[in-house]
Each structure stands twice: as structure tokens, then as C-alpha cells.
All heavy atoms as atom14 arrays in JSON, in Angstrom:
{
  "sequence": "SNIREKGRYRVIDKVQVQLNEKDDTYEAEFANLGIKQVLVSPATIKA",
  "atom14_mask": [
    [1, 1, 1, 1, 1, 1, 0, 0, 0, 0, 0, 0, 0, 0],
    [1, 1, 1, 1, 1, 1, 1, 1, 0, 0, 0, 0, 0, 0],
    [1, 1, 1, 1, 1, 1, 1, 1, 0, 0, 0, 0, 0, 0],
    [1, 1, 1, 1, 1, 1, 1, 1, 1, 1, 1, 0, 0, 0],
    [1, 1, 1, 1, 1, 1, 1, 1, 1, 0, 0, 0, 0, 0],
    [1, 1, 1, 1, 1, 1, 1, 1, 1, 0, 0, 0, 0, 0],
    [1, 1, 1, 1, 0, 0, 0, 0, 0, 0, 0, 0, 0, 0],
    [1, 1, 1, 1, 1, 1, 1, 1, 1, 1, 1, 0, 0, 0],
    [1, 1, 1, 1, 1, 1, 1, 1, 1, 1, 1, 1, 0, 0],
    [1, 1, 1, 1, 1, 1, 1, 1, 1, 1, 1, 0, 0, 0],
    [1, 1, 1, 1, 1, 1, 1, 0, 0, 0, 0, 0, 0, 0],
    [1, 1, 1, 1, 1, 1, 1, 1, 0, 0, 0, 0, 0, 0],
    [1, 1, 1, 1, 1, 1, 1, 1, 0, 0, 0, 0, 0, 0],
    [1, 1, 1, 1, 1, 1, 1, 1, 1, 0, 0, 0, 0, 0],
    [1, 1, 1, 1, 1, 1, 1, 0, 0, 0, 0, 0, 0, 0],
    [1, 1, 1, 1, 1, 1, 1, 1, 1, 0, 0, 0, 0, 0],
    [1, 1, 1, 1, 1, 1, 1, 0, 0, 0, 0, 0, 0, 0],
    [1, 1, 1, 1, 1, 1, 1, 1, 1, 0, 0, 0, 0, 0],
    [1, 1, 1, 1, 1, 1, 1, 1, 0, 0, 0, 0, 0, 0],
    [1, 1, 1, 1, 1, 1, 1, 1, 0, 0, 0, 0, 0, 0],
    [1, 1, 1, 1, 1, 1, 1, 1, 1, 0, 0, 0, 0, 0],
    [1, 1, 1, 1, 1, 1, 1, 1, 1, 0, 0, 0, 0, 0],
    [1, 1, 1, 1, 1, 1, 1, 1, 0, 0, 0, 0, 0, 0],
    [1, 1, 1, 1, 1, 1, 1, 1, 0, 0, 0, 0, 0, 0],
    [1, 1, 1, 1, 1, 1, 1, 0, 0, 0, 0, 0, 0, 0],
    [1, 1, 1, 1, 1, 1, 1, 1, 1, 1, 1, 1, 0, 0],
    [1, 1, 1, 1, 1, 1, 1, 1, 1, 0, 0, 0, 0, 0],
    [1, 1, 1, 1, 1, 0, 0, 0, 0, 0, 0, 0, 0, 0],
    [1, 1, 1, 1, 1, 1, 1, 1, 1, 0, 0, 0, 0, 0],
    [1, 1, 1, 1, 1, 1, 1, 1, 1, 1, 1, 0, 0, 0],
    [1, 1, 1, 1, 1, 0, 0, 0, 0, 0, 0, 0, 0, 0],
    [1, 1, 1, 1, 1, 1, 1, 1, 0, 0, 0, 0, 0, 0],
    [1, 1, 1, 1, 1, 1, 1, 1, 0, 0, 0, 0, 0, 0],
    [1, 1, 1, 1, 0, 0, 0, 0, 0, 0, 0, 0, 0, 0],
    [1, 1, 1, 1, 1, 1, 1, 1, 0, 0, 0, 0, 0, 0],
    [1, 1, 1, 1, 1, 1, 1, 1, 1, 0, 0, 0, 0, 0],
    [1, 1, 1, 1, 1, 1, 1, 1, 1, 0, 0, 0, 0, 0],
    [1, 1, 1, 1, 1, 1, 1, 0, 0, 0, 0, 0, 0, 0],
    [1, 1, 1, 1, 1, 1, 1, 1, 0, 0, 0, 0, 0, 0],
    [1, 1, 1, 1, 1, 1, 1, 0, 0, 0, 0, 0, 0, 0],
    [1, 1, 1, 1, 1, 1, 0, 0, 0, 0, 0, 0, 0, 0],
    [1, 1, 1, 1, 1, 1, 1, 0, 0, 0, 0, 0, 0, 0],
    [1, 1, 1, 1, 1, 0, 0, 0, 0, 0, 0, 0, 0, 0],
    [1, 1, 1, 1, 1, 1, 1, 0, 0, 0, 0, 0, 0, 0],
    [1, 1, 1, 1, 1, 1, 1, 1, 0, 0, 0, 0, 0, 0],
    [1, 1, 1, 1, 1, 1, 1, 1, 1, 0, 0, 0, 0, 0],
    [1, 1, 1, 1, 1, 0, 0, 0, 0, 0, 0, 0, 0, 0]
  ],
  "atom14_positions": [
    [[160.62, 16.58, 69.53], [159.5, 16.81, 70.44], [159.49, 15.77, 71.55], [159.24, 16.08, 72.73], [158.18, 16.78, 69.67], [157.08, 16.85, 70.54], [0.0, 0.0, 0.0], [0.0, 0.0, 0.0], [0.0, 0.0, 0.0], [0.0, 0.0, 0.0], [0.0, 0.0, 0.0], [0.0, 0.0, 0.0], [0.0, 0.0, 0.0], [0.0, 0.0, 0.0]],
    [[159.77, 14.5, 71.18], [159.83, 13.43, 72.2], [160.91, 13.71, 73.24], [160.72, 13.49, 74.44], [160.11, 12.08, 71.52], [158.89, 11.51, 70.84], [157.76, 11.88, 71.16], [159.1, 10.61, 69.89], [0.0, 0.0, 0.0], [0.0, 0.0, 0.0], [0.0, 0.0, 0.0], [0.0, 0.0, 0.0], [0.0, 0.0, 0.0], [0.0, 0.0, 0.0]],
    [[162.06, 14.19, 72.77], [163.15, 14.5, 73.7], [162.71, 15.61, 74.66], [162.95, 15.54, 75.88], [164.42, 14.93, 72.91], [164.9, 13.79, 72.01], [165.53, 15.34, 73.88], [166.01, 14.18, 71.06], [0.0, 0.0, 0.0], [0.0, 0.0, 0.0], [0.0, 0.0, 0.0], [0.0, 0.0, 0.0], [0.0, 0.0, 0.0], [0.0, 0.0, 0.0]],
    [[162.04, 16.63, 74.1], [161.6, 17.75, 74.94], [160.58, 17.29, 75.97], [160.64, 17.62, 77.15], [161.0, 18.86, 74.07], [160.49, 20.06, 74.87], [159.77, 21.04, 73.96], [159.36, 22.23, 74.69], [158.26, 22.31, 75.44], [157.45, 21.25, 75.58], [157.95, 23.44, 76.07], [0.0, 0.0, 0.0], [0.0, 0.0, 0.0], [0.0, 0.0, 0.0]],
    [[159.6, 16.5, 75.53], [158.51, 16.1, 76.41], [158.97, 15.1, 77.47], [158.5, 15.13, 78.6], [157.36, 15.5, 75.59], [156.73, 16.48, 74.59], [156.22, 17.74, 75.26], [155.69, 17.64, 76.38], [156.39, 18.83, 74.68], [0.0, 0.0, 0.0], [0.0, 0.0, 0.0], [0.0, 0.0, 0.0], [0.0, 0.0, 0.0], [0.0, 0.0, 0.0]],
    [[159.86, 14.21, 77.1], [160.29, 13.16, 78.04], [161.53, 13.57, 78.83], [161.89, 12.9, 79.79], [160.57, 11.87, 77.28], [159.32, 11.28, 76.61], [159.63, 9.99, 75.87], [158.37, 9.42, 75.24], [158.63, 8.16, 74.5], [0.0, 0.0, 0.0], [0.0, 0.0, 0.0], [0.0, 0.0, 0.0], [0.0, 0.0, 0.0], [0.0, 0.0, 0.0]],
    [[162.19, 14.63, 78.38], [163.38, 15.09, 79.08], [164.64, 14.36, 78.66], [165.73, 14.94, 78.64], [0.0, 0.0, 0.0], [0.0, 0.0, 0.0], [0.0, 0.0, 0.0], [0.0, 0.0, 0.0], [0.0, 0.0, 0.0], [0.0, 0.0, 0.0], [0.0, 0.0, 0.0], [0.0, 0.0, 0.0], [0.0, 0.0, 0.0], [0.0, 0.0, 0.0]],
    [[164.52, 13.1, 78.3], [165.67, 12.28, 77.88], [165.16, 11.22, 76.92], [164.13, 10.59, 77.17], [166.33, 11.64, 79.11], [167.62, 10.85, 78.81], [168.12, 10.2, 80.09], [169.36, 9.46, 79.87], [170.57, 9.94, 80.13], [170.7, 11.17, 80.61], [171.66, 9.21, 79.93], [0.0, 0.0, 0.0], [0.0, 0.0, 0.0], [0.0, 0.0, 0.0]],
    [[165.9, 11.0, 75.82], [165.42, 10.04, 74.81], [166.63, 9.44, 74.1], [167.64, 10.12, 73.88], [164.51, 10.75, 73.8], [163.7, 9.82, 72.93], [162.6, 9.14, 73.43], [164.05, 9.63, 71.59], [161.85, 8.29, 72.63], [163.31, 8.79, 70.78], [162.22, 8.12, 71.3], [161.48, 7.28, 70.5], [0.0, 0.0, 0.0], [0.0, 0.0, 0.0]],
    [[166.52, 8.16, 73.73], [167.62, 7.47, 73.04], [167.39, 7.5, 71.53], [166.28, 7.2, 71.06], [167.7, 6.03, 73.54], [168.8, 5.19, 72.87], [169.11, 3.96, 73.69], [169.75, 4.34, 74.96], [170.1, 3.46, 75.89], [169.87, 2.17, 75.72], [170.68, 3.88, 77.0], [0.0, 0.0, 0.0], [0.0, 0.0, 0.0], [0.0, 0.0, 0.0]],
    [[168.45, 7.79, 70.78], [168.35, 7.84, 69.32], [169.5, 7.05, 68.7], [170.56, 6.87, 69.31], [168.37, 9.29, 68.78], [167.22, 10.1, 69.34], [169.71, 9.97, 69.07], [0.0, 0.0, 0.0], [0.0, 0.0, 0.0], [0.0, 0.0, 0.0], [0.0, 0.0, 0.0], [0.0, 0.0, 0.0], [0.0, 0.0, 0.0], [0.0, 0.0, 0.0]],
    [[169.27, 6.59, 67.46], [170.31, 5.98, 66.64], [170.53, 6.91, 65.46], [169.63, 7.13, 64.66], [169.9, 4.58, 66.15], [169.68, 3.63, 67.33], [170.95, 4.01, 65.2], [169.12, 2.28, 66.93], [0.0, 0.0, 0.0], [0.0, 0.0, 0.0], [0.0, 0.0, 0.0], [0.0, 0.0, 0.0], [0.0, 0.0, 0.0], [0.0, 0.0, 0.0]],
    [[171.74, 7.47, 65.36], [172.0, 8.47, 64.33], [173.5, 8.49, 64.04], [174.31, 7.94, 64.79], [171.53, 9.85, 64.82], [171.28, 10.83, 63.67], [171.65, 10.51, 62.52], [170.72, 11.91, 63.93], [0.0, 0.0, 0.0], [0.0, 0.0, 0.0], [0.0, 0.0, 0.0], [0.0, 0.0, 0.0], [0.0, 0.0, 0.0], [0.0, 0.0, 0.0]],
    [[173.85, 9.15, 62.94], [175.26, 9.34, 62.6], [175.73, 10.66, 63.2], [175.14, 11.71, 62.96], [175.45, 9.36, 61.08], [176.9, 9.35, 60.65], [177.0, 9.24, 59.13], [178.46, 9.14, 58.7], [178.59, 9.05, 57.22], [0.0, 0.0, 0.0], [0.0, 0.0, 0.0], [0.0, 0.0, 0.0], [0.0, 0.0, 0.0], [0.0, 0.0, 0.0]],
    [[176.8, 10.59, 63.99], [177.26, 11.75, 64.77], [178.66, 12.15, 64.31], [179.54, 11.3, 64.17], [177.28, 11.43, 66.28], [177.7, 12.65, 67.09], [175.92, 10.91, 66.74], [0.0, 0.0, 0.0], [0.0, 0.0, 0.0], [0.0, 0.0, 0.0], [0.0, 0.0, 0.0], [0.0, 0.0, 0.0], [0.0, 0.0, 0.0], [0.0, 0.0, 0.0]],
    [[178.83, 13.46, 64.1], [180.15, 14.0, 63.79], [180.44, 15.14, 64.75], [179.55, 15.93, 65.06], [180.23, 14.49, 62.34], [181.61, 14.98, 61.96], [181.75, 15.22, 60.46], [180.81, 15.01, 59.7], [182.92, 15.65, 60.03], [0.0, 0.0, 0.0], [0.0, 0.0, 0.0], [0.0, 0.0, 0.0], [0.0, 0.0, 0.0], [0.0, 0.0, 0.0]],
    [[181.68, 15.21, 65.22], [182.05, 16.21, 66.22], [183.08, 17.16, 65.63], [183.97, 16.76, 64.86], [182.61, 15.52, 67.49], [183.11, 16.56, 68.48], [181.55, 14.63, 68.12], [0.0, 0.0, 0.0], [0.0, 0.0, 0.0], [0.0, 0.0, 0.0], [0.0, 0.0, 0.0], [0.0, 0.0, 0.0], [0.0, 0.0, 0.0], [0.0, 0.0, 0.0]],
    [[182.97, 18.43, 65.99], [183.94, 19.45, 65.61], [184.42, 20.2, 66.84], [183.68, 20.33, 67.82], [183.33, 20.44, 64.62], [183.01, 19.85, 63.26], [182.48, 20.88, 62.29], [181.89, 21.89, 62.71], [182.68, 20.65, 61.02], [0.0, 0.0, 0.0], [0.0, 0.0, 0.0], [0.0, 0.0, 0.0], [0.0, 0.0, 0.0], [0.0, 0.0, 0.0]],
    [[185.65, 20.69, 66.76], [186.19, 21.52, 67.84], [185.85, 22.97, 67.57], [186.16, 23.51, 66.52], [187.71, 21.36, 67.93], [188.43, 22.28, 68.91], [187.99, 22.0, 70.34], [189.94, 22.17, 68.76], [0.0, 0.0, 0.0], [0.0, 0.0, 0.0], [0.0, 0.0, 0.0], [0.0, 0.0, 0.0], [0.0, 0.0, 0.0], [0.0, 0.0, 0.0]],
    [[185.17, 23.6, 68.53], [184.89, 25.03, 68.46], [186.06, 25.75, 69.16], [186.12, 25.82, 70.39], [183.56, 25.34, 69.16], [183.17, 26.8, 69.07], [184.02, 27.68, 68.94], [181.88, 27.06, 69.17], [0.0, 0.0, 0.0], [0.0, 0.0, 0.0], [0.0, 0.0, 0.0], [0.0, 0.0, 0.0], [0.0, 0.0, 0.0], [0.0, 0.0, 0.0]],
    [[187.01, 26.23, 68.32], [188.21, 26.84, 68.91], [187.88, 28.1, 69.7], [188.55, 28.42, 70.69], [189.21, 27.19, 67.8], [189.73, 25.98, 67.01], [188.95, 25.78, 65.73], [187.78, 26.21, 65.66], [189.52, 25.17, 64.79], [0.0, 0.0, 0.0], [0.0, 0.0, 0.0], [0.0, 0.0, 0.0], [0.0, 0.0, 0.0], [0.0, 0.0, 0.0]],
    [[186.84, 28.82, 69.28], [186.49, 30.08, 69.94], [186.08, 29.85, 71.39], [186.5, 30.57, 72.31], [185.38, 30.78, 69.17], [185.03, 32.15, 69.7], [183.97, 32.8, 68.83], [183.6, 34.19, 69.37], [182.56, 34.85, 68.55], [0.0, 0.0, 0.0], [0.0, 0.0, 0.0], [0.0, 0.0, 0.0], [0.0, 0.0, 0.0], [0.0, 0.0, 0.0]],
    [[185.25, 28.81, 71.61], [184.77, 28.52, 72.97], [185.55, 27.39, 73.64], [185.25, 27.02, 74.78], [183.29, 28.17, 72.94], [182.42, 29.32, 72.48], [182.87, 30.48, 72.62], [181.3, 29.07, 71.98], [0.0, 0.0, 0.0], [0.0, 0.0, 0.0], [0.0, 0.0, 0.0], [0.0, 0.0, 0.0], [0.0, 0.0, 0.0], [0.0, 0.0, 0.0]],
    [[186.49, 26.78, 72.87], [187.28, 25.67, 73.39], [186.38, 24.52, 73.85], [186.54, 23.97, 74.94], [188.19, 26.12, 74.54], [189.23, 25.05, 74.9], [189.61, 24.28, 73.99], [189.61, 24.96, 76.08], [0.0, 0.0, 0.0], [0.0, 0.0, 0.0], [0.0, 0.0, 0.0], [0.0, 0.0, 0.0], [0.0, 0.0, 0.0], [0.0, 0.0, 0.0]],
    [[185.43, 24.17, 72.99], [184.51, 23.07, 73.3], [184.37, 22.15, 72.09], [184.56, 22.57, 70.94], [183.11, 23.59, 73.68], [182.61, 24.4, 72.6], [183.16, 24.41, 74.95], [0.0, 0.0, 0.0], [0.0, 0.0, 0.0], [0.0, 0.0, 0.0], [0.0, 0.0, 0.0], [0.0, 0.0, 0.0], [0.0, 0.0, 0.0], [0.0, 0.0, 0.0]],
    [[184.04, 20.88, 72.36], [183.7, 19.94, 71.29], [182.19, 19.95, 71.11], [181.43, 19.86, 72.08], [184.16, 18.53, 71.65], [185.66, 18.36, 71.62], [186.4, 18.26, 72.8], [186.34, 18.29, 70.41], [187.78, 18.1, 72.78], [187.72, 18.13, 70.37], [188.43, 18.05, 71.55], [189.79, 17.89, 71.52], [0.0, 0.0, 0.0], [0.0, 0.0, 0.0]],
    [[181.76, 20.02, 69.85], [180.33, 20.12, 69.56], [179.93, 19.06, 68.54], [180.58, 18.9, 67.5], [179.99, 21.51, 69.03], [180.29, 22.62, 70.03], [180.06, 24.01, 69.46], [179.84, 24.13, 68.22], [180.1, 24.98, 70.25], [0.0, 0.0, 0.0], [0.0, 0.0, 0.0], [0.0, 0.0, 0.0], [0.0, 0.0, 0.0], [0.0, 0.0, 0.0]],
    [[178.86, 18.36, 68.85], [178.38, 17.27, 67.99], [177.27, 17.75, 67.08], [176.46, 18.6, 67.46], [177.89, 16.1, 68.84], [0.0, 0.0, 0.0], [0.0, 0.0, 0.0], [0.0, 0.0, 0.0], [0.0, 0.0, 0.0], [0.0, 0.0, 0.0], [0.0, 0.0, 0.0], [0.0, 0.0, 0.0], [0.0, 0.0, 0.0], [0.0, 0.0, 0.0]],
    [[177.25, 17.15, 65.89], [176.17, 17.38, 64.94], [175.55, 16.04, 64.59], [176.26, 15.07, 64.27], [176.71, 18.05, 63.67], [175.65, 18.28, 62.6], [176.2, 18.97, 61.37], [177.35, 19.44, 61.42], [175.49, 19.02, 60.35], [0.0, 0.0, 0.0], [0.0, 0.0, 0.0], [0.0, 0.0, 0.0], [0.0, 0.0, 0.0], [0.0, 0.0, 0.0]],
    [[174.21, 15.95, 64.66], [173.48, 14.71, 64.39], [172.91, 14.78, 62.97], [172.1, 15.67, 62.66], [172.37, 14.52, 65.42], [172.89, 14.17, 66.79], [173.53, 15.11, 67.58], [172.76, 12.88, 67.28], [174.02, 14.8, 68.83], [173.25, 12.54, 68.53], [173.89, 13.5, 69.31], [0.0, 0.0, 0.0], [0.0, 0.0, 0.0], [0.0, 0.0, 0.0]],
    [[173.36, 13.85, 62.11], [173.08, 13.94, 60.68], [171.59, 13.95, 60.36], [171.11, 14.81, 59.61], [173.76, 12.79, 59.95], [0.0, 0.0, 0.0], [0.0, 0.0, 0.0], [0.0, 0.0, 0.0], [0.0, 0.0, 0.0], [0.0, 0.0, 0.0], [0.0, 0.0, 0.0], [0.0, 0.0, 0.0], [0.0, 0.0, 0.0], [0.0, 0.0, 0.0]],
    [[170.84, 13.0, 60.9], [169.42, 12.89, 60.55], [168.55, 13.75, 61.46], [167.55, 14.32, 61.01], [168.97, 11.43, 60.63], [169.57, 10.58, 59.52], [170.19, 11.11, 58.59], [169.38, 9.28, 59.6], [0.0, 0.0, 0.0], [0.0, 0.0, 0.0], [0.0, 0.0, 0.0], [0.0, 0.0, 0.0], [0.0, 0.0, 0.0], [0.0, 0.0, 0.0]],
    [[168.92, 13.83, 62.73], [168.12, 14.61, 63.68], [168.23, 16.1, 63.37], [167.29, 16.87, 63.64], [168.58, 14.31, 65.11], [167.7, 14.82, 66.25], [166.27, 14.29, 66.12], [168.3, 14.42, 67.59], [0.0, 0.0, 0.0], [0.0, 0.0, 0.0], [0.0, 0.0, 0.0], [0.0, 0.0, 0.0], [0.0, 0.0, 0.0], [0.0, 0.0, 0.0]],
    [[169.37, 16.52, 62.82], [169.51, 17.9, 62.39], [169.86, 18.87, 63.49], [169.75, 20.09, 63.3], [0.0, 0.0, 0.0], [0.0, 0.0, 0.0], [0.0, 0.0, 0.0], [0.0, 0.0, 0.0], [0.0, 0.0, 0.0], [0.0, 0.0, 0.0], [0.0, 0.0, 0.0], [0.0, 0.0, 0.0], [0.0, 0.0, 0.0], [0.0, 0.0, 0.0]],
    [[170.28, 18.4, 64.66], [170.69, 19.33, 65.72], [172.2, 19.48, 65.73], [172.93, 18.56, 65.35], [170.18, 18.87, 67.11], [170.75, 17.49, 67.48], [168.66, 18.84, 67.13], [170.37, 17.03, 68.87], [0.0, 0.0, 0.0], [0.0, 0.0, 0.0], [0.0, 0.0, 0.0], [0.0, 0.0, 0.0], [0.0, 0.0, 0.0], [0.0, 0.0, 0.0]],
    [[172.67, 20.67, 66.11], [174.09, 20.98, 66.09], [174.53, 21.57, 67.43], [173.7, 21.88, 68.28], [174.41, 21.98, 64.97], [174.02, 21.52, 63.57], [174.34, 22.6, 62.54], [173.95, 22.15, 61.15], [174.26, 23.2, 60.13], [0.0, 0.0, 0.0], [0.0, 0.0, 0.0], [0.0, 0.0, 0.0], [0.0, 0.0, 0.0], [0.0, 0.0, 0.0]],
    [[175.83, 21.71, 67.57], [176.45, 22.38, 68.71], [176.09, 21.72, 70.05], [176.02, 22.37, 71.08], [176.04, 23.86, 68.75], [176.5, 24.63, 67.51], [176.07, 26.08, 67.55], [174.9, 26.38, 67.76], [177.03, 26.99, 67.34], [0.0, 0.0, 0.0], [0.0, 0.0, 0.0], [0.0, 0.0, 0.0], [0.0, 0.0, 0.0], [0.0, 0.0, 0.0]],
    [[175.9, 20.39, 70.01], [175.63, 19.65, 71.24], [176.97, 19.38, 71.92], [177.88, 18.81, 71.32], [174.91, 18.32, 70.94], [174.61, 17.58, 72.24], [173.64, 18.57, 70.15], [0.0, 0.0, 0.0], [0.0, 0.0, 0.0], [0.0, 0.0, 0.0], [0.0, 0.0, 0.0], [0.0, 0.0, 0.0], [0.0, 0.0, 0.0], [0.0, 0.0, 0.0]],
    [[177.12, 19.8, 73.16], [178.4, 19.7, 73.85], [178.8, 18.24, 74.09], [177.97, 17.41, 74.48], [178.34, 20.44, 75.19], [178.15, 21.96, 75.1], [178.11, 22.57, 76.5], [179.25, 22.59, 74.27], [0.0, 0.0, 0.0], [0.0, 0.0, 0.0], [0.0, 0.0, 0.0], [0.0, 0.0, 0.0], [0.0, 0.0, 0.0], [0.0, 0.0, 0.0]],
    [[180.08, 17.97, 73.85], [180.64, 16.63, 74.04], [181.87, 16.77, 74.93], [182.71, 17.66, 74.73], [181.05, 16.0, 72.69], [181.61, 14.6, 72.9], [179.86, 15.96, 71.74], [0.0, 0.0, 0.0], [0.0, 0.0, 0.0], [0.0, 0.0, 0.0], [0.0, 0.0, 0.0], [0.0, 0.0, 0.0], [0.0, 0.0, 0.0], [0.0, 0.0, 0.0]],
    [[182.01, 15.88, 75.89], [183.14, 15.98, 76.82], [184.43, 15.55, 76.14], [184.43, 14.66, 75.27], [182.88, 15.1, 78.05], [183.0, 13.73, 77.7], [0.0, 0.0, 0.0], [0.0, 0.0, 0.0], [0.0, 0.0, 0.0], [0.0, 0.0, 0.0], [0.0, 0.0, 0.0], [0.0, 0.0, 0.0], [0.0, 0.0, 0.0], [0.0, 0.0, 0.0]],
    [[185.56, 16.14, 76.53], [186.87, 15.71, 75.99], [187.14, 14.23, 76.22], [187.81, 13.58, 75.4], [187.87, 16.6, 76.74], [187.09, 17.81, 77.11], [185.7, 17.31, 77.42], [0.0, 0.0, 0.0], [0.0, 0.0, 0.0], [0.0, 0.0, 0.0], [0.0, 0.0, 0.0], [0.0, 0.0, 0.0], [0.0, 0.0, 0.0], [0.0, 0.0, 0.0]],
    [[186.65, 13.67, 77.32], [186.87, 12.24, 77.61], [186.22, 11.37, 76.53], [186.77, 10.33, 76.14], [186.31, 11.9, 78.98], [0.0, 0.0, 0.0], [0.0, 0.0, 0.0], [0.0, 0.0, 0.0], [0.0, 0.0, 0.0], [0.0, 0.0, 0.0], [0.0, 0.0, 0.0], [0.0, 0.0, 0.0], [0.0, 0.0, 0.0], [0.0, 0.0, 0.0]],
    [[185.04, 11.78, 76.05], [184.36, 11.03, 74.99], [185.18, 11.07, 73.71], [185.32, 10.05, 73.01], [182.95, 11.61, 74.74], [182.19, 11.5, 75.94], [182.26, 10.88, 73.62], [0.0, 0.0, 0.0], [0.0, 0.0, 0.0], [0.0, 0.0, 0.0], [0.0, 0.0, 0.0], [0.0, 0.0, 0.0], [0.0, 0.0, 0.0], [0.0, 0.0, 0.0]],
    [[185.73, 12.23, 73.37], [186.55, 12.36, 72.16], [187.81, 11.52, 72.28], [188.24, 10.87, 71.32], [186.91, 13.84, 71.91], [185.63, 14.66, 71.7], [187.84, 13.98, 70.72], [184.76, 14.18, 70.56], [0.0, 0.0, 0.0], [0.0, 0.0, 0.0], [0.0, 0.0, 0.0], [0.0, 0.0, 0.0], [0.0, 0.0, 0.0], [0.0, 0.0, 0.0]],
    [[188.39, 11.5, 73.46], [189.6, 10.71, 73.66], [189.31, 9.22, 73.47], [190.13, 8.47, 72.92], [190.15, 10.96, 75.06], [191.53, 10.35, 75.3], [192.1, 10.76, 76.65], [193.5, 10.18, 76.85], [194.08, 10.58, 78.15], [0.0, 0.0, 0.0], [0.0, 0.0, 0.0], [0.0, 0.0, 0.0], [0.0, 0.0, 0.0], [0.0, 0.0, 0.0]],
    [[188.14, 8.79, 73.92], [187.76, 7.37, 73.79], [187.35, 7.02, 72.36], [187.55, 5.89, 71.92], [186.62, 7.05, 74.76], [0.0, 0.0, 0.0], [0.0, 0.0, 0.0], [0.0, 0.0, 0.0], [0.0, 0.0, 0.0], [0.0, 0.0, 0.0], [0.0, 0.0, 0.0], [0.0, 0.0, 0.0], [0.0, 0.0, 0.0], [0.0, 0.0, 0.0]]
  ]
}
């Protein structure tokens, strides 16, 4: 709700990324926040 209301918010969480082969995109999942399919740039994965 804070993210929605403020538009942008900083969190500390455990993040895991998967490759969506169908859409050719990297997608992040936030363990505690419970959100999935958050787009991640290839540059971030490379780093």
C-alpha cells in the first residue's frame, strides 16, 4: 500500500530472479513482500 500511495518505496527483502523463456524477460520474486514477475533488466542480472 505504501508503494502504491507514494509511487516509489525502498524495501529490504530477499530477491530471487527467474528467466521467463516465453516472454524472454527476467522476473524477480520478493520472498517476504510476496510480489512476483517484477521485470529486471539484463544488465542487473549480468552484474
